[in-house]
Amino acid sequence: MDRLINLEPSSQVVIRIEPTQKCCGELTLRNVMYTMPVAFRLDPVNRLRYAIRPRSGIIAPLATLLVEFTYLLPLDSPLPDSLPRCDDRFLLHSVVVPSASLKVPASISDSIPGEWFTNKKKQVFVDSGIRIFFVGSAVLTRLVEDGLMDSVREVLERSEPEWRAVDSVDSEGRTLLHLAIAQCRPELVQLLLEFEPDVETADRNGRTPLEAAAAAGEALIAEILIARRASVERSRGSDLGPLHLAAAAGHAEVVRLLLLNGAAVDAPAADGRTALRLAAEGRRHDCAKLLLKAGAKVDASGGADGGMPLHAAAAGGDEAIVKLLLTRGVAGVKEVRNAAGLTAYDLAAEGGHVRMLDALRLGDALATAARKGEAQAAARLVDRGAAVNGRDQHGWTALMRAAFKGRVEAIRVLTDKGAEVEARDEDGYTALHCAAEAGYAEAVEALLRRGADIGARTAKGATAAEIAASHGYDGIVRILARGSTAPLVEKRRGGNVGAKKGKEREGRRKKSEIGGSDGGRVAVRNGGRFHRARAAVEVAWSH
């Protein structure tokens, strides 16, 4: 026989460590003798760390006795480095006492004389196999922070279900999921999810695990959490939702994932700002593009300043975001004022962001001046910072507008200021094509004097002469054919019409400006050929 007492359920004592709670565990001692009582004495090697009750006693034949182990160290003292196991040792002495008289039929806990456990009188059995196994929130948070997956699994498996150990929090209110996310460990998150934690539990900042993953840019973790039905919307206690956090931090992959899983693209943060506004503030171009593609509102206002995304981009000097927002074509967005009464232009000017002044106001003014033929106004605008070669959403420059309206003096001023004569719009048209299509002979001549390429072709392969011919502008065709700069009065088939005042050409030009409401150009059949009319663009700029 090698022992008198068996340890149940094993030689490991599970001690749960929780703040404000008594840290203790239990071990059952069973007398394996059929006919004789057994006396025992159980001592920790380190008596300052543990208290044992009872430390000694007598166990009746085949009976059991429950022993309580209490961990005595303060909770703020360092836990063993060997967590969840502990190297602390215990000595269990046991001896047969056939003459012992039991006070109760079962086992008793008494102070047993020490001499009973000396080899001088009896055969004493000594068991040194008892060990401590720590569980509880303090243990789990430490193991998760250290990324010890096997130990985390073992502690969770050995914890009682009613403890809800997987929902443990650390001293700062972070759940195990939050800690795993902070470690950027998707496999650890997956392990914790096997034990069914509450995926909506927030930390002290009010952030859920998904919000924490979004802020950290952990797309895989976010995907895992969403698969476990984590909400993609802002939690009640958080200032920013997952989409806001991902957009603000520039985590485009997370933004895409959230949008694909139904996140509301224009949902406001606690202060009213949208994800697009936060992307604009943070100069997060890729995120802004994704949000705009998903239908984010360019004119949504919010925040303490009551501004829109355009205000934020202008104040921050982000020219790329400004242009991106303006391409959405929301009417009047440039003139919207924030709570302080400032437009995006005002904010850009205050910040000294000269490069974006053209897009926010000066470019519009320059296009209008060019269209109306206000040459000196156009010159002043360029001097103030308007981009002489700036383009609108259709790719038109101010020179193209002047050419299409036959504004010769504006053409001269703009080219003197550096306007590119060969600049092309999205359909490959140059200013010369525009003047030829609109039927302005003097504008064609002015452009030729400035070096316009007579042979330039549009995206569909048409030259300016071919466009003029399709409209019946014979005089312009002759000018282009010989490259002449001599003054000419245009002759149209069937009669003569002045270069600017002919009623028939004006009627044709008006007809060419009739376009669809979608802002595109319409095809007009004339003389058996198709050409473009610059309808909606000119209609839009005529107001």
Protein backbone atom coordinates (compact mmCIF):
# COMPACT_ATOMS: atom_id res chain seq x y z
CA MET A 1 0.00 0.00 0.00
CA ASP A 2 1.42 3.40 -1.03
CA ARG A 3 -1.22 5.69 0.48
CA LEU A 4 -4.06 5.79 3.00
CA ILE A 5 -5.95 8.75 1.52
CA ASN A 6 -7.12 9.46 -2.01
CA LEU A 7 -7.44 13.04 -3.31
CA GLU A 8 -10.71 13.88 -5.12
CA PRO A 9 -11.48 14.91 -7.75
CA SER A 10 -7.73 15.18 -8.37
CA SER A 11 -4.56 16.32 -6.71
CA GLN A 12 -5.10 19.85 -8.09
CA VAL A 13 -6.99 22.37 -5.99
CA VAL A 14 -8.84 24.92 -8.15
CA ILE A 15 -8.75 28.37 -6.49
CA ARG A 16 -10.80 31.17 -7.99
CA ILE A 17 -9.31 34.65 -7.72
CA GLU A 18 -11.83 37.47 -7.97
CA PRO A 19 -11.72 41.07 -6.71
CA THR A 20 -13.52 41.64 -3.38
CA GLN A 21 -14.12 37.92 -2.98
CA LYS A 22 -12.57 35.28 -0.77
CA CYS A 23 -10.12 33.31 -2.88
CA CYS A 24 -10.52 29.68 -2.01
CA GLY A 25 -10.84 26.17 -3.33
CA GLU A 26 -11.75 22.74 -2.03
CA LEU A 27 -10.26 19.26 -1.98
CA THR A 28 -11.89 16.05 -0.79
CA LEU A 29 -9.86 13.52 1.24
CA ARG A 30 -11.10 9.91 1.12
CA ASN A 31 -9.98 7.19 3.54
CA VAL A 32 -9.27 4.10 1.46
CA MET A 33 -9.14 1.77 4.49
CA TYR A 34 -12.12 -0.53 4.91
CA THR A 35 -11.94 -1.05 8.67
CA MET A 36 -9.62 1.48 10.27
CA PRO A 37 -9.76 5.25 10.70
CA VAL A 38 -6.96 7.34 9.30
CA ALA A 39 -5.53 10.49 10.85
CA PHE A 40 -4.11 13.23 8.63
CA ARG A 41 -2.29 16.51 8.84
CA LEU A 42 -2.06 18.88 5.86
CA ASP A 43 0.53 21.66 5.88
CA PRO A 44 1.47 24.25 3.22
CA VAL A 45 5.18 24.71 2.81
CA ASN A 46 4.53 28.47 2.70
CA ARG A 47 2.16 29.07 5.61
CA LEU A 48 1.99 32.81 4.96
CA ARG A 49 0.34 32.25 1.60
CA TYR A 50 -2.36 29.69 2.42
CA ALA A 51 -4.75 28.81 5.20
CA ILE A 52 -6.17 25.27 5.39
CA ARG A 53 -9.27 24.18 7.27
CA PRO A 54 -9.15 21.69 8.84
CA ARG A 55 -5.41 21.21 8.97
CA SER A 56 -5.76 17.84 10.69
CA GLY A 57 -8.37 15.28 11.66
CA ILE A 58 -9.50 11.70 11.61
CA ILE A 59 -11.39 10.14 8.73
CA ALA A 60 -13.59 7.10 9.33
CA PRO A 61 -13.12 4.01 7.16
CA LEU A 62 -14.09 4.71 3.54
CA ALA A 63 -15.40 8.13 4.58
CA THR A 64 -14.53 11.56 3.13
CA LEU A 65 -13.64 14.95 4.51
CA LEU A 66 -13.82 18.31 2.68
CA VAL A 67 -10.78 20.57 3.13
CA GLU A 68 -10.82 24.29 2.24
CA PHE A 69 -7.73 26.06 0.86
CA THR A 70 -7.67 29.86 1.16
CA TYR A 71 -5.24 32.02 -0.76
CA LEU A 72 -4.06 34.73 1.64
CA LEU A 73 -2.03 37.13 -0.47
CA PRO A 74 -3.61 40.54 -1.27
CA LEU A 75 -5.18 40.77 -4.72
CA ASP A 76 -2.75 43.49 -5.77
CA SER A 77 0.24 41.25 -5.07
CA PRO A 78 1.93 39.65 -8.09
CA LEU A 79 0.45 36.38 -9.28
CA PRO A 80 2.82 33.48 -9.94
CA ASP A 81 4.66 33.59 -13.24
CA SER A 82 3.67 29.96 -13.79
CA LEU A 83 -0.07 30.77 -14.08
CA PRO A 84 -2.48 29.09 -14.12
CA ARG A 85 -0.44 26.55 -12.19
CA CYS A 86 1.52 27.24 -9.04
CA ASP A 87 4.74 25.76 -7.71
CA ASP A 88 3.64 26.00 -4.07
CA ARG A 89 3.90 22.64 -2.30
CA PHE A 90 1.83 20.94 0.40
CA LEU A 91 2.61 17.94 2.61
CA LEU A 92 -0.16 15.52 3.52
CA HIS A 93 0.77 13.17 6.40
CA SER A 94 -1.50 10.22 7.09
CA VAL A 95 -1.39 7.35 9.57
CA VAL A 96 -3.67 4.47 10.62
CA VAL A 97 -5.14 4.90 14.12
CA PRO A 98 -7.07 1.73 14.99
CA SER A 99 -7.73 2.80 18.56
CA ALA A 100 -9.08 6.23 17.70
CA SER A 101 -12.50 6.98 19.04
CA LEU A 102 -14.68 9.00 16.64
CA LYS A 103 -16.94 11.65 18.07
CA VAL A 104 -19.34 11.19 15.14
CA PRO A 105 -19.95 8.19 12.95
CA ALA A 106 -18.24 9.80 10.01
CA SER A 107 -15.03 11.89 10.07
CA ILE A 108 -13.91 14.44 12.62
CA SER A 109 -11.68 17.49 12.55
CA ASP A 110 -9.58 17.74 15.65
CA SER A 111 -6.18 18.87 16.63
CA ILE A 112 -4.21 15.69 16.26
CA PRO A 113 -1.08 15.25 18.37
CA GLY A 114 2.01 15.85 16.32
CA GLU A 115 3.74 12.72 17.62
CA TRP A 116 1.18 10.58 15.77
CA PHE A 117 2.96 11.48 12.54
CA THR A 118 6.46 10.50 13.61
CA ASN A 119 7.97 7.32 12.30
CA LYS A 120 9.04 6.43 15.80
CA LYS A 121 5.61 5.11 16.69
CA LYS A 122 3.77 4.34 13.45
CA GLN A 123 4.20 3.97 9.72
CA VAL A 124 3.51 7.43 8.32
CA PHE A 125 2.55 8.06 4.69
CA VAL A 126 3.56 11.40 3.15
CA ASP A 127 1.95 12.76 -0.01
CA SER A 128 3.50 15.85 -1.60
CA GLY A 129 1.52 15.81 -4.85
CA ILE A 130 -1.10 18.45 -4.03
CA ARG A 131 -0.89 21.49 -6.35
CA ILE A 132 -2.83 24.72 -6.87
CA PHE A 133 -4.59 25.61 -10.15
CA PHE A 134 -5.73 29.23 -10.34
CA VAL A 135 -8.84 30.38 -12.19
CA GLY A 136 -10.87 33.60 -12.16
CA SER A 137 -10.89 36.98 -13.92
CA ALA A 138 -7.46 38.08 -12.73
CA VAL A 139 -5.97 34.88 -14.06
CA LEU A 140 -7.79 34.95 -17.38
CA THR A 141 -7.00 38.59 -18.12
CA ARG A 142 -3.32 37.93 -17.46
CA LEU A 143 -3.31 34.84 -19.71
CA VAL A 144 -5.14 36.63 -22.53
CA GLU A 145 -2.75 39.58 -22.34
CA ASP A 146 0.12 37.10 -22.59
CA GLY A 147 -1.60 35.32 -25.50
CA LEU A 148 -1.37 31.87 -23.87
CA MET A 149 -4.16 30.13 -25.75
CA ASP A 150 -3.77 26.64 -24.28
CA SER A 151 -3.82 28.00 -20.75
CA VAL A 152 -6.81 30.21 -21.52
CA ARG A 153 -8.74 27.21 -22.81
CA GLU A 154 -7.80 25.12 -19.79
CA VAL A 155 -8.87 27.79 -17.31
CA LEU A 156 -12.19 28.31 -19.09
CA GLU A 157 -12.84 24.58 -19.17
CA ARG A 158 -12.09 24.20 -15.46
CA SER A 159 -14.23 27.17 -14.44
CA GLU A 160 -17.78 26.56 -13.24
CA PRO A 161 -20.38 27.48 -15.93
CA GLU A 162 -22.30 29.76 -13.56
CA TRP A 163 -19.18 31.90 -13.10
CA ARG A 164 -19.38 33.10 -16.73
CA ALA A 165 -15.61 33.21 -16.75
CA VAL A 166 -15.47 34.12 -20.44
CA ASP A 167 -17.12 37.46 -19.60
CA SER A 168 -14.39 38.36 -17.11
CA VAL A 169 -13.13 41.95 -17.10
CA ASP A 170 -9.84 43.42 -15.99
CA SER A 171 -9.29 46.29 -13.56
CA GLU A 172 -9.91 48.80 -16.36
CA GLY A 173 -13.23 47.28 -17.38
CA ARG A 174 -11.99 45.56 -20.53
CA THR A 175 -13.45 42.17 -21.38
CA LEU A 176 -11.37 39.24 -22.53
CA LEU A 177 -12.51 39.98 -26.09
CA HIS A 178 -11.26 43.55 -25.81
CA LEU A 179 -7.91 42.28 -24.54
CA ALA A 180 -7.59 39.76 -27.37
CA ILE A 181 -8.42 42.46 -29.92
CA ALA A 182 -5.78 44.72 -28.39
CA GLN A 183 -3.31 41.88 -28.95
CA CYS A 184 -4.41 41.68 -32.63
CA ARG A 185 -5.09 37.96 -32.14
CA PRO A 186 -8.04 36.74 -34.24
CA GLU A 187 -7.33 33.13 -33.26
CA LEU A 188 -7.61 34.08 -29.60
CA VAL A 189 -10.88 35.88 -30.29
CA GLN A 190 -12.13 32.74 -32.02
CA LEU A 191 -11.17 30.65 -28.99
CA LEU A 192 -13.06 32.95 -26.61
CA LEU A 193 -16.13 32.87 -28.86
CA GLU A 194 -16.25 29.07 -28.46
CA PHE A 195 -17.29 29.73 -24.85
CA GLU A 196 -20.09 32.11 -25.94
CA PRO A 197 -19.21 35.48 -24.41
CA ASP A 198 -21.55 38.45 -24.66
CA VAL A 199 -20.27 40.19 -27.82
CA GLU A 200 -22.10 43.42 -26.95
CA THR A 201 -20.46 43.99 -23.56
CA ALA A 202 -18.79 47.41 -23.65
CA ASP A 203 -15.64 48.54 -21.91
CA ARG A 204 -15.47 51.60 -19.68
CA ASN A 205 -15.30 53.83 -22.74
CA GLY A 206 -18.59 52.39 -23.94
CA ARG A 207 -17.02 50.53 -26.87
CA THR A 208 -18.14 47.06 -27.82
CA PRO A 209 -15.62 44.50 -29.09
CA LEU A 210 -16.63 45.25 -32.70
CA GLU A 211 -16.10 48.96 -32.15
CA ALA A 212 -12.69 48.18 -30.67
CA ALA A 213 -11.83 45.97 -33.66
CA ALA A 214 -12.96 48.68 -36.09
CA ALA A 215 -10.84 51.30 -34.35
CA ALA A 216 -7.83 48.98 -34.47
CA GLY A 217 -8.35 48.11 -38.14
CA GLU A 218 -8.71 44.41 -37.38
CA ALA A 219 -10.80 43.37 -40.37
CA LEU A 220 -10.58 39.62 -39.72
CA ILE A 221 -11.60 40.04 -36.09
CA ALA A 222 -14.45 42.30 -37.15
CA GLU A 223 -15.60 39.68 -39.63
CA ILE A 224 -15.51 36.98 -36.94
CA LEU A 225 -17.54 39.13 -34.56
CA ILE A 226 -20.10 40.02 -37.23
CA ALA A 227 -20.47 36.31 -37.96
CA ARG A 228 -21.45 35.97 -34.27
CA ARG A 229 -24.15 38.61 -34.81
CA ALA A 230 -22.31 41.55 -33.30
CA SER A 231 -24.18 44.77 -34.08
CA VAL A 232 -22.60 46.92 -36.81
CA GLU A 233 -24.26 50.07 -35.47
CA ARG A 234 -23.13 52.42 -32.74
CA SER A 235 -23.69 51.06 -29.27
CA ARG A 236 -25.70 53.07 -26.77
CA GLY A 237 -22.73 54.00 -24.62
CA SER A 238 -20.25 54.83 -27.37
CA ASP A 239 -19.63 58.22 -28.95
CA LEU A 240 -18.60 56.63 -32.25
CA GLY A 241 -19.87 53.50 -33.97
CA PRO A 242 -17.79 50.89 -35.84
CA LEU A 243 -18.13 52.73 -39.17
CA HIS A 244 -17.16 56.07 -37.64
CA LEU A 245 -14.13 54.59 -35.93
CA ALA A 246 -12.91 52.74 -39.01
CA ALA A 247 -13.41 55.76 -41.29
CA ALA A 248 -11.71 58.14 -38.89
CA ALA A 249 -8.69 55.86 -38.59
CA GLY A 250 -8.49 55.15 -42.32
CA HIS A 251 -9.23 51.41 -42.14
CA ALA A 252 -10.75 51.03 -45.60
CA GLU A 253 -11.04 47.24 -45.43
CA VAL A 254 -13.09 47.46 -42.25
CA VAL A 255 -15.24 50.23 -43.76
CA ARG A 256 -15.94 48.01 -46.77
CA LEU A 257 -16.80 45.05 -44.52
CA LEU A 258 -19.20 47.09 -42.38
CA LEU A 259 -20.96 48.56 -45.40
CA LEU A 260 -21.36 45.10 -46.93
CA ASN A 261 -22.96 43.94 -43.68
CA GLY A 262 -25.53 46.68 -43.54
CA ALA A 263 -23.95 49.49 -41.56
CA ALA A 264 -25.93 52.70 -42.10
CA VAL A 265 -23.63 54.91 -44.16
CA ASP A 266 -25.07 58.20 -42.85
CA ALA A 267 -25.71 57.15 -39.25
CA PRO A 268 -24.64 60.02 -36.96
CA ALA A 269 -22.11 59.77 -34.17
CA ALA A 270 -23.12 61.03 -30.74
CA ASP A 271 -22.24 64.58 -31.82
CA GLY A 272 -23.97 64.29 -35.19
CA ARG A 273 -20.94 63.78 -37.41
CA THR A 274 -21.16 61.13 -40.11
CA ALA A 275 -18.49 58.66 -41.12
CA LEU A 276 -17.84 60.74 -44.26
CA ARG A 277 -17.27 63.83 -42.14
CA LEU A 278 -14.76 61.92 -39.98
CA ALA A 279 -13.00 60.56 -43.07
CA ALA A 280 -12.72 64.12 -44.41
CA GLU A 281 -11.33 65.36 -41.11
CA GLY A 282 -8.73 62.60 -41.07
CA ARG A 283 -7.75 62.94 -44.75
CA ARG A 284 -8.83 59.33 -45.31
CA HIS A 285 -9.23 59.35 -49.08
CA ASP A 286 -9.89 55.64 -49.63
CA CYS A 287 -12.52 55.56 -46.90
CA ALA A 288 -14.19 58.66 -48.31
CA LYS A 289 -14.38 57.05 -51.74
CA LEU A 290 -15.98 53.91 -50.30
CA LEU A 291 -18.52 55.92 -48.33
CA LEU A 292 -19.42 58.07 -51.33
CA LYS A 293 -19.80 54.96 -53.47
CA ALA A 294 -22.19 53.60 -50.84
CA GLY A 295 -24.30 56.75 -51.14
CA ALA A 296 -23.03 58.88 -48.26
CA LYS A 297 -24.61 62.34 -48.20
CA VAL A 298 -22.16 65.09 -49.07
CA ASP A 299 -24.37 67.75 -47.48
CA ALA A 300 -24.95 66.05 -44.11
CA SER A 301 -24.07 68.48 -41.35
CA GLY A 302 -23.26 67.85 -37.70
CA GLY A 303 -20.70 68.21 -34.97
CA ALA A 304 -20.12 71.14 -32.65
CA ASP A 305 -19.41 73.43 -35.62
CA GLY A 306 -22.46 72.34 -37.61
CA GLY A 307 -20.28 71.74 -40.63
CA MET A 308 -20.38 69.32 -43.55
CA PRO A 309 -17.61 67.04 -44.82
CA LEU A 310 -16.69 69.79 -47.29
CA HIS A 311 -16.13 72.25 -44.45
CA ALA A 312 -13.85 69.78 -42.68
CA ALA A 313 -11.81 69.06 -45.81
CA ALA A 314 -11.50 72.75 -46.65
CA ALA A 315 -10.42 73.67 -43.13
CA GLY A 316 -7.85 70.90 -43.18
CA GLY A 317 -6.46 71.88 -46.56
CA ASP A 318 -7.22 68.52 -48.18
CA GLU A 319 -7.58 69.44 -51.84
CA ALA A 320 -8.13 65.83 -52.95
CA ILE A 321 -11.08 65.32 -50.58
CA VAL A 322 -12.55 68.68 -51.56
CA LYS A 323 -12.48 67.76 -55.25
CA LEU A 324 -13.83 64.29 -54.48
CA LEU A 325 -16.79 65.75 -52.62
CA LEU A 326 -17.49 68.32 -55.30
CA THR A 327 -17.64 65.67 -58.02
CA ARG A 328 -20.88 64.42 -56.41
CA GLY A 329 -22.54 67.46 -57.94
CA VAL A 330 -24.76 68.37 -54.98
CA ALA A 331 -26.36 71.71 -55.80
CA GLY A 332 -25.49 74.63 -53.54
CA VAL A 333 -23.09 72.69 -51.35
CA LYS A 334 -20.34 75.27 -51.79
CA GLU A 335 -22.54 78.00 -50.36
CA VAL A 336 -23.71 76.17 -47.24
CA ARG A 337 -22.54 77.85 -44.05
CA ASN A 338 -21.57 76.19 -40.79
CA ALA A 339 -22.69 77.26 -37.32
CA ALA A 340 -20.20 80.13 -37.42
CA GLY A 341 -21.63 81.37 -40.72
CA LEU A 342 -18.62 80.29 -42.78
CA THR A 343 -18.59 78.51 -46.12
CA ALA A 344 -15.99 75.95 -47.13
CA TYR A 345 -14.33 78.70 -49.18
CA ASP A 346 -14.11 80.93 -46.11
CA LEU A 347 -12.47 78.17 -44.08
CA ALA A 348 -9.95 77.42 -46.83
CA ALA A 349 -9.11 81.10 -47.15
CA GLU A 350 -8.68 81.46 -43.38
CA GLY A 351 -6.31 78.51 -43.37
CA GLY A 352 -4.28 79.84 -46.26
CA HIS A 353 -5.14 76.87 -48.47
CA VAL A 354 -4.87 78.79 -51.72
CA ARG A 355 -4.81 75.76 -54.00
CA MET A 356 -8.40 74.82 -53.23
CA LEU A 357 -9.91 78.28 -53.56
CA ASP A 358 -10.39 77.64 -57.26
CA ALA A 359 -12.49 74.53 -56.71
CA LEU A 360 -14.54 76.08 -53.91
CA ARG A 361 -15.44 79.38 -55.57
CA LEU A 362 -12.93 81.03 -57.89
CA GLY A 363 -13.20 78.30 -60.52
CA ASP A 364 -16.95 78.75 -60.75
CA ALA A 365 -16.54 82.49 -61.00
CA LEU A 366 -13.89 82.12 -63.68
CA ALA A 367 -16.09 79.79 -65.71
CA THR A 368 -18.96 82.27 -65.45
CA ALA A 369 -16.75 85.19 -66.46
CA ALA A 370 -15.42 83.23 -69.44
CA ARG A 371 -18.92 82.24 -70.53
CA LYS A 372 -20.17 85.81 -70.28
CA GLY A 373 -17.11 87.25 -71.94
CA GLU A 374 -16.06 89.30 -68.91
CA ALA A 375 -12.40 89.26 -69.82
CA GLN A 376 -11.10 91.64 -67.14
CA ALA A 377 -13.05 89.83 -64.42
CA ALA A 378 -11.51 86.58 -65.63
CA ALA A 379 -8.04 88.12 -65.46
CA ARG A 380 -8.62 89.32 -61.88
CA LEU A 381 -9.86 85.90 -60.81
CA VAL A 382 -6.77 84.21 -62.20
CA ASP A 383 -4.62 86.73 -60.36
CA ARG A 384 -6.49 85.91 -57.13
CA GLY A 385 -5.78 82.23 -57.46
CA ALA A 386 -8.33 80.74 -59.84
CA ALA A 387 -6.79 77.89 -61.81
CA VAL A 388 -6.73 79.04 -65.39
CA ASN A 389 -6.70 75.41 -66.53
CA GLY A 390 -9.09 74.17 -63.86
CA ARG A 391 -11.88 71.88 -64.99
CA ASP A 392 -15.49 71.33 -64.06
CA GLN A 393 -17.16 67.94 -63.59
CA HIS A 394 -17.40 67.55 -67.38
CA GLY A 395 -13.74 68.29 -67.94
CA TRP A 396 -14.38 71.75 -69.43
CA THR A 397 -11.90 74.58 -68.90
CA ALA A 398 -12.72 78.28 -68.85
CA LEU A 399 -11.16 78.59 -72.32
CA MET A 400 -13.55 75.98 -73.70
CA ARG A 401 -16.50 77.91 -72.28
CA ALA A 402 -15.25 81.16 -73.79
CA ALA A 403 -14.74 79.40 -77.13
CA PHE A 404 -18.20 77.82 -77.11
CA LYS A 405 -19.76 81.22 -76.46
CA GLY A 406 -17.53 83.02 -78.95
CA ARG A 407 -15.97 85.33 -76.34
CA VAL A 408 -12.90 86.43 -78.29
CA GLU A 409 -11.51 88.89 -75.76
CA ALA A 410 -11.88 86.30 -72.98
CA ILE A 411 -10.00 83.82 -75.18
CA ARG A 412 -7.14 86.31 -75.56
CA VAL A 413 -6.96 87.09 -71.83
CA LEU A 414 -7.14 83.46 -70.77
CA THR A 415 -4.42 82.37 -73.18
CA ASP A 416 -2.28 85.29 -72.05
CA LYS A 417 -2.72 83.98 -68.49
CA GLY A 418 -1.50 80.54 -69.50
CA ALA A 419 -4.63 78.69 -70.57
CA GLU A 420 -3.74 75.53 -72.47
CA VAL A 421 -5.11 75.81 -76.00
CA GLU A 422 -4.87 72.06 -76.54
CA ALA A 423 -6.52 71.02 -73.26
CA ARG A 424 -9.17 68.36 -73.89
CA ASP A 425 -12.42 67.52 -72.16
CA GLU A 426 -13.64 64.04 -71.35
CA ASP A 427 -14.68 63.51 -74.99
CA GLY A 428 -11.42 64.74 -76.45
CA TYR A 429 -12.69 68.17 -77.50
CA THR A 430 -10.35 71.16 -77.51
CA ALA A 431 -11.40 74.80 -77.38
CA LEU A 432 -11.10 74.85 -81.18
CA HIS A 433 -13.63 72.03 -81.50
CA CYS A 434 -15.96 73.95 -79.17
CA ALA A 435 -15.76 77.16 -81.21
CA ALA A 436 -16.22 75.24 -84.47
CA GLU A 437 -19.25 73.38 -83.16
CA ALA A 438 -20.90 76.56 -81.88
CA GLY A 439 -20.21 78.38 -85.15
CA TYR A 440 -18.06 81.28 -83.93
CA ALA A 441 -15.65 82.16 -86.73
CA GLU A 442 -13.84 84.91 -84.78
CA ALA A 443 -13.30 82.56 -81.86
CA VAL A 444 -11.84 79.99 -84.27
CA GLU A 445 -9.53 82.66 -85.66
CA ALA A 446 -8.46 83.80 -82.20
CA LEU A 447 -7.58 80.24 -81.24
CA LEU A 448 -5.64 79.70 -84.44
CA ARG A 449 -3.62 82.83 -83.69
CA ARG A 450 -2.79 81.26 -80.31
CA GLY A 451 -1.48 78.12 -81.96
CA ALA A 452 -4.50 75.80 -81.87
CA ASP A 453 -3.90 72.52 -83.67
CA ILE A 454 -6.16 72.39 -86.75
CA GLY A 455 -5.63 68.64 -87.07
CA ALA A 456 -6.56 67.73 -83.49
CA ARG A 457 -9.22 65.02 -83.33
CA THR A 458 -11.84 64.24 -80.72
CA ALA A 459 -12.14 60.87 -79.04
CA LYS A 460 -14.37 59.82 -81.94
CA GLY A 461 -11.85 61.04 -84.51
CA ALA A 462 -13.48 64.28 -85.67
CA THR A 463 -11.48 67.40 -86.53
CA ALA A 464 -12.78 70.92 -85.97
CA ALA A 465 -13.30 71.30 -89.73
CA GLU A 466 -15.40 68.14 -89.89
CA ILE A 467 -17.55 69.35 -86.98
CA ALA A 468 -18.06 72.72 -88.64
CA ALA A 469 -18.92 71.03 -91.93
CA SER A 470 -21.54 68.83 -90.23
CA HIS A 471 -23.27 72.04 -89.09
CA GLY A 472 -22.93 73.75 -92.46
CA TYR A 473 -20.45 76.37 -91.23
CA ASP A 474 -18.69 76.80 -94.60
CA GLY A 475 -16.78 79.92 -93.64
CA ILE A 476 -15.23 78.20 -90.61
CA VAL A 477 -14.38 75.23 -92.81
CA ARG A 478 -12.50 77.56 -95.18
CA ILE A 479 -10.69 79.26 -92.28
CA LEU A 480 -9.56 75.91 -90.95
CA ALA A 481 -8.67 74.63 -94.41
CA ARG A 482 -6.14 77.37 -95.05
CA GLY A 483 -5.31 78.26 -91.46
CA SER A 484 -6.26 81.86 -92.31
CA THR A 485 -6.51 84.54 -89.65
CA ALA A 486 -8.20 87.08 -91.92
CA PRO A 487 -11.57 88.39 -90.72
CA LEU A 488 -14.41 86.46 -92.31
CA VAL A 489 -18.16 86.63 -92.31
CA GLU A 490 -19.50 83.12 -92.08
CA LYS A 491 -21.58 81.89 -95.00
CA ARG A 492 -24.07 79.16 -94.28
CA ARG A 493 -25.61 77.07 -97.04
CA GLY A 494 -28.67 78.95 -98.23
CA GLY A 495 -27.63 82.42 -97.07
CA ASN A 496 -25.20 84.68 -95.18
CA VAL A 497 -25.20 85.03 -91.41
CA GLY A 498 -23.03 87.35 -89.29
CA ALA A 499 -20.48 85.69 -87.04
CA LYS A 500 -22.35 86.58 -83.86
CA LYS A 501 -25.73 88.02 -84.77
CA GLY A 502 -27.30 85.65 -87.31
CA LYS A 503 -30.70 84.52 -86.16
CA GLU A 504 -30.50 81.12 -87.78
CA ARG A 505 -27.19 80.21 -86.10
CA GLU A 506 -28.46 81.50 -82.80
CA GLY A 507 -31.46 79.24 -83.24
CA ARG A 508 -29.22 76.29 -84.00
CA ARG A 509 -27.07 77.10 -80.97
CA LYS A 510 -30.13 77.24 -78.75
CA LYS A 511 -31.23 73.93 -80.16
CA SER A 512 -27.83 72.43 -79.40
CA GLU A 513 -28.23 73.53 -75.79
CA ILE A 514 -31.37 71.43 -75.23
CA GLY A 515 -30.20 68.46 -73.19
CA GLY A 516 -31.32 65.78 -70.81
CA SER A 517 -31.62 66.47 -67.10
CA ASP A 518 -28.84 64.02 -66.36
CA GLY A 519 -26.20 66.57 -67.31
CA GLY A 520 -24.99 64.66 -70.36
CA ARG A 521 -24.79 65.68 -74.04
CA VAL A 522 -27.29 64.73 -76.72
CA ALA A 523 -26.61 63.54 -80.27
CA VAL A 524 -27.99 65.74 -83.07
CA ARG A 525 -28.38 64.52 -86.65
CA ASN A 526 -27.38 67.19 -89.19
CA GLY A 527 -26.36 66.61 -92.76
CA GLY A 528 -26.32 62.83 -92.29
CA ARG A 529 -23.77 62.95 -89.46
CA PHE A 530 -23.99 62.77 -85.64
CA HIS A 531 -22.32 65.31 -83.44
CA ARG A 532 -22.55 66.32 -79.81
CA ALA A 533 -24.55 69.18 -78.40
CA ARG A 534 -23.24 70.62 -75.16
CA ALA A 535 -26.69 71.01 -73.83
CA ALA A 536 -26.96 70.62 -70.11
CA VAL A 537 -23.52 71.99 -69.44
CA GLU A 538 -24.30 75.30 -71.13
CA VAL A 539 -27.82 75.42 -69.72
CA ALA A 540 -26.42 74.92 -66.23
CA TRP A 541 -23.89 77.73 -66.69
CA SER A 542 -26.36 80.11 -68.29
CA HIS A 543 -28.01 80.87 -64.95
